[in-house]
């Protein structure tokens, strides 16, 4: 469970909370009106998450290209006359 802080906690003690996020590399969820509203991440964690997303997107693109090439090789591609042909 990630650590939480209220928006008032941030106003009163932001430097200590930011330092904790950086030092522990754990996210801090900011609660406003009893609901999670914002997550604070260290730049290291953000970059790691961003890299993971990019790697996943590249892998999905590779799979789509491989699937296209396989369908093309097997003659399974067809020319669509309109978007309604997809259904």
N, C-alpha and C. Protein backbone atom coordinates (compact mmCIF):
# COMPACT_ATOMS: atom_id res chain seq x y z
N UNK A 1 0.85 -1.18 0.00
CA UNK A 1 0.00 0.00 0.00
C UNK A 1 0.90 1.24 0.00
N UNK A 2 0.71 2.14 -0.96
CA UNK A 2 1.55 3.34 -1.00
C UNK A 2 1.25 4.29 0.17
N UNK A 3 2.26 5.06 0.50
CA UNK A 3 2.08 6.06 1.55
C UNK A 3 1.16 7.15 1.04
N UNK A 4 0.39 7.73 1.95
CA UNK A 4 -0.53 8.81 1.59
C UNK A 4 -0.24 10.05 2.43
N UNK A 5 -0.65 11.18 1.90
CA UNK A 5 -0.57 12.45 2.61
C UNK A 5 -1.72 13.31 2.12
N UNK A 6 -2.17 14.19 2.97
CA UNK A 6 -3.24 15.09 2.56
C UNK A 6 -2.64 16.29 1.83
N UNK A 7 -3.49 17.00 1.13
CA UNK A 7 -3.01 18.22 0.46
C UNK A 7 -2.51 19.23 1.49
N UNK A 8 -3.12 19.22 2.67
CA UNK A 8 -2.65 20.12 3.74
C UNK A 8 -1.26 19.71 4.23
N UNK A 9 -1.01 18.39 4.29
CA UNK A 9 0.32 17.91 4.66
C UNK A 9 1.37 18.44 3.68
N UNK A 10 1.02 18.43 2.41
CA UNK A 10 1.95 18.93 1.39
C UNK A 10 2.22 20.41 1.61
N UNK A 11 1.17 21.17 1.90
CA UNK A 11 1.34 22.61 2.13
C UNK A 11 2.25 22.88 3.33
N UNK A 12 2.10 22.07 4.38
CA UNK A 12 2.85 22.30 5.62
C UNK A 12 4.26 21.71 5.60
N UNK A 13 4.42 20.59 4.90
CA UNK A 13 5.66 19.82 5.06
C UNK A 13 6.15 19.24 3.73
N UNK A 14 6.01 20.01 2.66
CA UNK A 14 6.31 19.46 1.33
C UNK A 14 7.76 19.00 1.20
N UNK A 15 8.71 19.75 1.74
CA UNK A 15 10.13 19.40 1.55
C UNK A 15 10.45 18.03 2.15
N UNK A 16 10.00 17.76 3.35
CA UNK A 16 10.26 16.46 3.98
C UNK A 16 9.56 15.34 3.22
N UNK A 17 8.34 15.58 2.75
CA UNK A 17 7.62 14.55 1.99
C UNK A 17 8.30 14.29 0.65
N UNK A 18 8.72 15.35 -0.04
CA UNK A 18 9.42 15.17 -1.32
C UNK A 18 10.73 14.41 -1.11
N UNK A 19 11.46 14.77 -0.05
CA UNK A 19 12.72 14.08 0.24
C UNK A 19 12.48 12.60 0.51
N UNK A 20 11.40 12.29 1.20
CA UNK A 20 11.08 10.89 1.49
C UNK A 20 10.79 10.12 0.20
N UNK A 21 10.07 10.74 -0.72
CA UNK A 21 9.77 10.10 -2.01
C UNK A 21 11.07 9.82 -2.75
N UNK A 22 11.96 10.79 -2.77
CA UNK A 22 13.24 10.62 -3.47
C UNK A 22 14.08 9.54 -2.79
N UNK A 23 14.17 9.57 -1.47
CA UNK A 23 15.04 8.64 -0.75
C UNK A 23 14.51 7.21 -0.73
N UNK A 24 13.21 7.04 -0.64
CA UNK A 24 12.63 5.69 -0.58
C UNK A 24 12.27 5.14 -1.95
N UNK A 25 12.16 6.04 -2.94
CA UNK A 25 11.72 5.68 -4.29
C UNK A 25 10.34 5.01 -4.27
N UNK A 26 9.53 5.39 -3.31
CA UNK A 26 8.15 4.92 -3.20
C UNK A 26 7.22 6.08 -3.53
N UNK A 27 6.12 5.80 -4.23
CA UNK A 27 5.19 6.87 -4.56
C UNK A 27 4.48 7.42 -3.32
N UNK A 28 4.02 8.63 -3.44
CA UNK A 28 3.23 9.28 -2.38
C UNK A 28 1.91 9.70 -3.00
N UNK A 29 0.82 9.16 -2.48
CA UNK A 29 -0.52 9.47 -2.98
C UNK A 29 -1.06 10.65 -2.18
N UNK A 30 -1.47 11.70 -2.88
CA UNK A 30 -2.02 12.88 -2.22
C UNK A 30 -3.53 12.75 -2.20
N UNK A 31 -4.08 12.87 -1.00
CA UNK A 31 -5.52 12.74 -0.78
C UNK A 31 -6.12 14.14 -0.65
N UNK A 32 -7.21 14.35 -1.36
CA UNK A 32 -7.95 15.61 -1.26
C UNK A 32 -9.43 15.27 -1.14
N UNK A 33 -10.08 15.80 -0.13
CA UNK A 33 -11.49 15.48 0.13
C UNK A 33 -11.72 13.97 0.24
N UNK A 34 -10.84 13.31 0.95
CA UNK A 34 -10.92 11.87 1.22
C UNK A 34 -10.78 10.99 -0.02
N UNK A 35 -10.25 11.55 -1.12
CA UNK A 35 -10.09 10.78 -2.35
C UNK A 35 -8.67 10.96 -2.87
N UNK A 36 -8.07 9.89 -3.40
CA UNK A 36 -6.75 10.02 -4.03
C UNK A 36 -6.86 10.96 -5.24
N UNK A 37 -5.97 11.92 -5.32
CA UNK A 37 -6.06 12.90 -6.40
C UNK A 37 -4.80 12.97 -7.25
N UNK A 38 -3.63 12.82 -6.62
CA UNK A 38 -2.36 12.98 -7.32
C UNK A 38 -1.36 11.98 -6.74
N UNK A 39 -0.43 11.54 -7.59
CA UNK A 39 0.66 10.70 -7.13
C UNK A 39 1.97 11.42 -7.40
N UNK A 40 2.82 11.46 -6.39
CA UNK A 40 4.14 12.05 -6.55
C UNK A 40 5.15 10.91 -6.65
N UNK A 41 5.96 10.95 -7.71
CA UNK A 41 6.97 9.93 -7.95
C UNK A 41 8.34 10.59 -8.02
N UNK A 42 9.37 9.85 -7.65
CA UNK A 42 10.72 10.34 -7.89
C UNK A 42 10.95 10.32 -9.40
N UNK A 43 11.87 11.14 -9.87
CA UNK A 43 12.16 11.16 -11.30
C UNK A 43 12.69 9.81 -11.75
N UNK A 44 13.43 9.14 -10.89
CA UNK A 44 13.96 7.81 -11.22
C UNK A 44 12.82 6.82 -11.46
N UNK A 45 11.82 6.84 -10.59
CA UNK A 45 10.68 5.94 -10.75
C UNK A 45 9.87 6.30 -12.00
N UNK A 46 9.67 7.60 -12.23
CA UNK A 46 8.94 8.05 -13.41
C UNK A 46 9.64 7.56 -14.68
N UNK A 47 10.96 7.76 -14.75
CA UNK A 47 11.70 7.35 -15.94
C UNK A 47 11.63 5.84 -16.14
N UNK A 48 11.68 5.09 -15.05
CA UNK A 48 11.57 3.64 -15.14
C UNK A 48 10.20 3.21 -15.68
N UNK A 49 9.15 3.83 -15.17
CA UNK A 49 7.79 3.53 -15.65
C UNK A 49 7.63 3.92 -17.12
N UNK A 50 8.17 5.07 -17.47
CA UNK A 50 8.09 5.56 -18.85
C UNK A 50 8.81 4.60 -19.79
N UNK A 51 9.99 4.13 -19.38
CA UNK A 51 10.75 3.19 -20.19
C UNK A 51 9.98 1.87 -20.35
N UNK A 52 9.34 1.41 -19.29
CA UNK A 52 8.56 0.17 -19.36
C UNK A 52 7.41 0.31 -20.35
N UNK A 53 6.75 1.45 -20.33
CA UNK A 53 5.64 1.68 -21.26
C UNK A 53 6.15 1.69 -22.69
N UNK A 54 7.27 2.38 -22.92
CA UNK A 54 7.83 2.42 -24.28
C UNK A 54 8.23 1.03 -24.76
N UNK A 55 8.85 0.25 -23.89
CA UNK A 55 9.23 -1.12 -24.26
C UNK A 55 7.99 -1.95 -24.61
N UNK A 56 6.93 -1.80 -23.82
CA UNK A 56 5.69 -2.54 -24.09
C UNK A 56 5.10 -2.11 -25.44
N UNK A 57 5.08 -0.81 -25.70
CA UNK A 57 4.53 -0.32 -26.96
C UNK A 57 5.34 -0.83 -28.15
N UNK A 58 6.67 -0.86 -28.01
CA UNK A 58 7.51 -1.38 -29.09
C UNK A 58 7.26 -2.86 -29.32
N UNK A 59 7.11 -3.61 -28.24
CA UNK A 59 6.83 -5.04 -28.36
C UNK A 59 5.48 -5.27 -29.05
N UNK A 60 4.48 -4.49 -28.69
CA UNK A 60 3.16 -4.63 -29.33
C UNK A 60 3.24 -4.27 -30.81
N UNK A 61 4.01 -3.25 -31.15
CA UNK A 61 4.17 -2.86 -32.56
C UNK A 61 4.87 -3.98 -33.34
N UNK A 62 5.90 -4.58 -32.75
CA UNK A 62 6.59 -5.69 -33.41
C UNK A 62 5.64 -6.85 -33.66
N UNK A 63 4.81 -7.17 -32.66
CA UNK A 63 3.86 -8.27 -32.82
C UNK A 63 2.84 -7.96 -33.91
N UNK A 64 2.39 -6.69 -33.99
CA UNK A 64 1.44 -6.31 -35.02
C UNK A 64 2.06 -6.45 -36.40
N UNK A 65 3.33 -6.06 -36.54
CA UNK A 65 4.03 -6.18 -37.82
C UNK A 65 4.21 -7.65 -38.19
N UNK A 66 4.60 -8.46 -37.20
CA UNK A 66 4.75 -9.89 -37.45
C UNK A 66 3.43 -10.52 -37.88
N UNK A 67 2.35 -10.13 -37.22
CA UNK A 67 1.02 -10.65 -37.57
C UNK A 67 0.63 -10.22 -38.98
N UNK A 68 0.89 -8.96 -39.32
CA UNK A 68 0.60 -8.46 -40.67
C UNK A 68 1.37 -9.28 -41.70
N UNK A 69 2.68 -9.47 -41.47
CA UNK A 69 3.50 -10.21 -42.42
C UNK A 69 3.03 -11.65 -42.57
N UNK A 70 2.63 -12.27 -41.47
CA UNK A 70 2.12 -13.65 -41.52
C UNK A 70 0.82 -13.72 -42.32
N UNK A 71 -0.09 -12.79 -42.06
CA UNK A 71 -1.36 -12.78 -42.79
C UNK A 71 -1.13 -12.47 -44.27
N UNK A 72 -0.19 -11.61 -44.56
CA UNK A 72 0.12 -11.28 -45.96
C UNK A 72 0.69 -12.50 -46.66
N UNK A 73 1.61 -13.20 -45.99
CA UNK A 73 2.21 -14.40 -46.56
C UNK A 73 1.16 -15.48 -46.80
N UNK A 74 0.21 -15.61 -45.90
CA UNK A 74 -0.83 -16.64 -46.02
C UNK A 74 -2.01 -16.20 -46.87
N UNK A 75 -1.94 -15.01 -47.45
CA UNK A 75 -3.01 -14.53 -48.32
C UNK A 75 -4.30 -14.22 -47.57
N UNK A 76 -4.22 -13.86 -46.31
CA UNK A 76 -5.41 -13.61 -45.51
C UNK A 76 -5.80 -12.13 -45.47
N UNK A 77 -5.05 -11.28 -46.12
CA UNK A 77 -5.39 -9.86 -46.14
C UNK A 77 -6.47 -9.62 -47.18
N UNK A 78 -7.36 -8.69 -46.88
CA UNK A 78 -8.37 -8.35 -47.86
C UNK A 78 -8.50 -6.83 -47.93
N UNK A 79 -8.84 -6.35 -49.08
CA UNK A 79 -9.01 -4.92 -49.28
C UNK A 79 -10.40 -4.53 -48.81
N UNK A 80 -10.46 -3.51 -47.96
CA UNK A 80 -11.74 -3.05 -47.45
C UNK A 80 -12.25 -1.89 -48.30
N UNK A 81 -13.54 -1.92 -48.56
CA UNK A 81 -14.13 -0.83 -49.32
C UNK A 81 -14.59 0.30 -48.42
N UNK A 82 -14.82 -0.03 -47.13
CA UNK A 82 -15.24 0.99 -46.16
C UNK A 82 -14.97 0.47 -44.76
N UNK A 83 -15.11 1.36 -43.79
CA UNK A 83 -14.92 0.95 -42.39
C UNK A 83 -15.98 -0.06 -41.96
N UNK A 84 -17.16 0.02 -42.53
CA UNK A 84 -18.22 -0.92 -42.14
C UNK A 84 -17.87 -2.35 -42.54
N UNK A 85 -16.91 -2.51 -43.45
CA UNK A 85 -16.47 -3.85 -43.85
C UNK A 85 -15.72 -4.56 -42.75
N UNK A 86 -15.26 -3.81 -41.74
CA UNK A 86 -14.53 -4.42 -40.63
C UNK A 86 -15.44 -5.27 -39.74
N UNK A 87 -16.71 -4.95 -39.71
CA UNK A 87 -17.63 -5.65 -38.81
C UNK A 87 -17.92 -7.05 -39.25
